[in-house]
N, C-alpha and C. Protein backbone atom coordinates (compact mmCIF):
# COMPACT_ATOMS: atom_id res chain seq x y z
N UNK A 1 -58.78 -128.71 -100.83
CA UNK A 1 -58.23 -129.13 -102.11
C UNK A 1 -57.09 -128.21 -102.46
N UNK A 2 -56.03 -128.80 -103.00
CA UNK A 2 -54.88 -128.01 -103.40
C UNK A 2 -54.58 -128.23 -104.87
N UNK A 3 -54.75 -127.24 -105.66
CA UNK A 3 -54.46 -127.29 -107.07
C UNK A 3 -52.99 -126.88 -107.21
N UNK A 4 -52.14 -127.82 -107.58
CA UNK A 4 -50.69 -127.56 -107.66
C UNK A 4 -50.39 -126.47 -108.71
N UNK A 5 -50.81 -126.72 -109.92
CA UNK A 5 -50.68 -125.71 -110.95
C UNK A 5 -51.90 -125.78 -111.78
N UNK A 6 -52.33 -124.71 -112.32
CA UNK A 6 -53.49 -124.76 -113.14
C UNK A 6 -54.07 -123.41 -113.45
N UNK A 7 -54.96 -123.38 -114.39
CA UNK A 7 -55.59 -122.14 -114.80
C UNK A 7 -56.81 -122.50 -115.65
N UNK A 8 -57.68 -121.54 -115.73
CA UNK A 8 -58.82 -121.72 -116.61
C UNK A 8 -58.37 -121.31 -117.98
N UNK A 9 -58.15 -122.28 -118.85
CA UNK A 9 -57.55 -121.97 -120.15
C UNK A 9 -58.50 -121.27 -121.08
N UNK A 10 -59.76 -121.47 -120.91
CA UNK A 10 -60.71 -120.79 -121.80
C UNK A 10 -62.08 -120.79 -121.15
N UNK A 11 -62.79 -119.68 -121.41
CA UNK A 11 -64.17 -119.57 -120.97
C UNK A 11 -64.93 -118.86 -122.09
N UNK A 12 -65.76 -119.62 -122.75
CA UNK A 12 -66.52 -119.06 -123.86
C UNK A 12 -67.87 -119.74 -123.91
N UNK A 13 -68.90 -118.91 -124.01
CA UNK A 13 -70.31 -119.42 -124.11
C UNK A 13 -70.63 -120.40 -122.97
N UNK A 14 -70.08 -120.15 -121.80
CA UNK A 14 -70.38 -120.98 -120.64
C UNK A 14 -69.58 -122.25 -120.55
N UNK A 15 -68.64 -122.44 -121.44
CA UNK A 15 -67.77 -123.63 -121.43
C UNK A 15 -66.43 -123.24 -120.87
N UNK A 16 -66.00 -123.95 -119.81
CA UNK A 16 -64.74 -123.68 -119.13
C UNK A 16 -63.80 -124.85 -119.37
N UNK A 17 -62.56 -124.53 -119.75
CA UNK A 17 -61.52 -125.55 -119.88
C UNK A 17 -60.54 -125.38 -118.71
N UNK A 18 -60.36 -126.48 -117.94
CA UNK A 18 -59.45 -126.43 -116.79
C UNK A 18 -58.20 -127.24 -117.11
N UNK A 19 -57.06 -126.61 -116.97
CA UNK A 19 -55.76 -127.26 -117.21
C UNK A 19 -54.91 -127.23 -115.95
N UNK A 20 -54.00 -128.15 -115.83
CA UNK A 20 -53.09 -128.13 -114.71
C UNK A 20 -52.90 -129.51 -114.07
N UNK A 21 -52.34 -129.49 -112.84
CA UNK A 21 -52.08 -130.74 -112.14
C UNK A 21 -52.70 -130.72 -110.75
N UNK A 22 -53.19 -131.84 -110.33
CA UNK A 22 -53.67 -132.00 -108.96
C UNK A 22 -52.87 -133.08 -108.29
N UNK A 23 -52.80 -133.10 -106.95
CA UNK A 23 -51.95 -134.07 -106.26
C UNK A 23 -52.48 -135.50 -106.23
N UNK A 24 -53.80 -135.69 -106.43
CA UNK A 24 -54.35 -137.05 -106.43
C UNK A 24 -55.59 -137.13 -107.30
N UNK A 25 -55.92 -138.36 -107.70
CA UNK A 25 -57.00 -138.61 -108.64
C UNK A 25 -58.36 -138.19 -108.14
N UNK A 26 -58.57 -138.20 -106.82
CA UNK A 26 -59.87 -137.84 -106.28
C UNK A 26 -60.24 -136.38 -106.62
N UNK A 27 -59.24 -135.56 -106.82
CA UNK A 27 -59.49 -134.16 -107.09
C UNK A 27 -59.87 -133.85 -108.51
N UNK A 28 -59.65 -134.79 -109.44
CA UNK A 28 -60.00 -134.56 -110.81
C UNK A 28 -61.51 -134.25 -110.97
N UNK A 29 -62.33 -135.10 -110.39
CA UNK A 29 -63.79 -134.92 -110.49
C UNK A 29 -64.24 -133.77 -109.58
N UNK A 30 -63.56 -133.61 -108.43
CA UNK A 30 -63.96 -132.57 -107.52
C UNK A 30 -63.83 -131.18 -108.15
N UNK A 31 -62.75 -130.95 -108.90
CA UNK A 31 -62.58 -129.66 -109.56
C UNK A 31 -63.71 -129.44 -110.57
N UNK A 32 -64.08 -130.43 -111.31
CA UNK A 32 -65.16 -130.33 -112.30
C UNK A 32 -66.46 -129.93 -111.62
N UNK A 33 -66.77 -130.58 -110.50
CA UNK A 33 -67.99 -130.27 -109.78
C UNK A 33 -68.00 -128.83 -109.25
N UNK A 34 -66.86 -128.37 -108.74
CA UNK A 34 -66.78 -127.02 -108.23
C UNK A 34 -66.99 -126.01 -109.34
N UNK A 35 -66.30 -126.23 -110.46
CA UNK A 35 -66.40 -125.27 -111.56
C UNK A 35 -67.83 -125.26 -112.14
N UNK A 36 -68.45 -126.43 -112.25
CA UNK A 36 -69.80 -126.49 -112.80
C UNK A 36 -70.80 -125.71 -111.93
N UNK A 37 -70.47 -125.60 -110.66
CA UNK A 37 -71.36 -124.88 -109.72
C UNK A 37 -71.29 -123.37 -109.83
N UNK A 38 -70.38 -122.84 -110.62
CA UNK A 38 -70.23 -121.42 -110.81
C UNK A 38 -71.31 -120.93 -111.75
N UNK A 39 -71.96 -119.86 -111.37
CA UNK A 39 -73.04 -119.31 -112.18
C UNK A 39 -72.53 -118.96 -113.60
N UNK A 40 -73.29 -119.40 -114.59
CA UNK A 40 -72.97 -119.12 -115.98
C UNK A 40 -72.21 -120.24 -116.68
N UNK A 41 -71.65 -121.20 -115.89
CA UNK A 41 -70.94 -122.31 -116.49
C UNK A 41 -71.96 -123.39 -116.89
N UNK A 42 -71.86 -123.83 -118.15
CA UNK A 42 -72.78 -124.85 -118.62
C UNK A 42 -72.06 -126.18 -118.87
N UNK A 43 -70.73 -126.10 -119.09
CA UNK A 43 -69.96 -127.30 -119.35
C UNK A 43 -68.51 -127.08 -118.93
N UNK A 44 -67.87 -128.18 -118.53
CA UNK A 44 -66.46 -128.11 -118.13
C UNK A 44 -65.67 -129.14 -118.90
N UNK A 45 -64.59 -128.71 -119.53
CA UNK A 45 -63.64 -129.59 -120.16
C UNK A 45 -62.48 -129.74 -119.19
N UNK A 46 -62.33 -130.92 -118.63
CA UNK A 46 -61.35 -131.14 -117.57
C UNK A 46 -60.09 -131.75 -118.20
N UNK A 47 -59.01 -131.00 -118.28
CA UNK A 47 -57.76 -131.47 -118.82
C UNK A 47 -56.68 -131.53 -117.71
N UNK A 48 -57.16 -131.69 -116.49
CA UNK A 48 -56.27 -131.83 -115.36
C UNK A 48 -55.55 -133.20 -115.40
N UNK A 49 -54.39 -133.24 -114.86
CA UNK A 49 -53.64 -134.50 -114.72
C UNK A 49 -53.17 -134.64 -113.26
N UNK A 50 -52.96 -135.89 -112.86
CA UNK A 50 -52.48 -136.14 -111.53
C UNK A 50 -50.97 -136.05 -111.55
N UNK A 51 -50.44 -135.25 -110.59
CA UNK A 51 -49.00 -135.09 -110.49
C UNK A 51 -48.37 -136.35 -109.97
N UNK A 52 -47.40 -136.86 -110.66
CA UNK A 52 -46.71 -138.05 -110.20
C UNK A 52 -45.77 -137.68 -109.05
N UNK A 53 -45.71 -138.55 -108.04
CA UNK A 53 -44.77 -138.26 -106.95
C UNK A 53 -43.32 -138.26 -107.43
N UNK A 54 -42.50 -137.41 -106.87
CA UNK A 54 -41.09 -137.40 -107.25
C UNK A 54 -40.44 -138.59 -106.63
N UNK A 55 -39.61 -139.29 -107.37
CA UNK A 55 -38.91 -140.48 -106.84
C UNK A 55 -37.86 -140.04 -105.82
N UNK A 56 -37.72 -140.86 -104.82
CA UNK A 56 -36.75 -140.51 -103.75
C UNK A 56 -35.52 -141.30 -103.80
């Protein structure tokens, strides 16, 4: 998985907010699953967006 840009915008009381862009829609849910698997995380707010391809 390649996260183009992104960061964990907030982590409080086990809630993680993920911001940034991913190259395709399949990775939106994959990121959430990976973050949820981290010890101490109880909830994930996924604010990722799919990066639109640059027009040629």
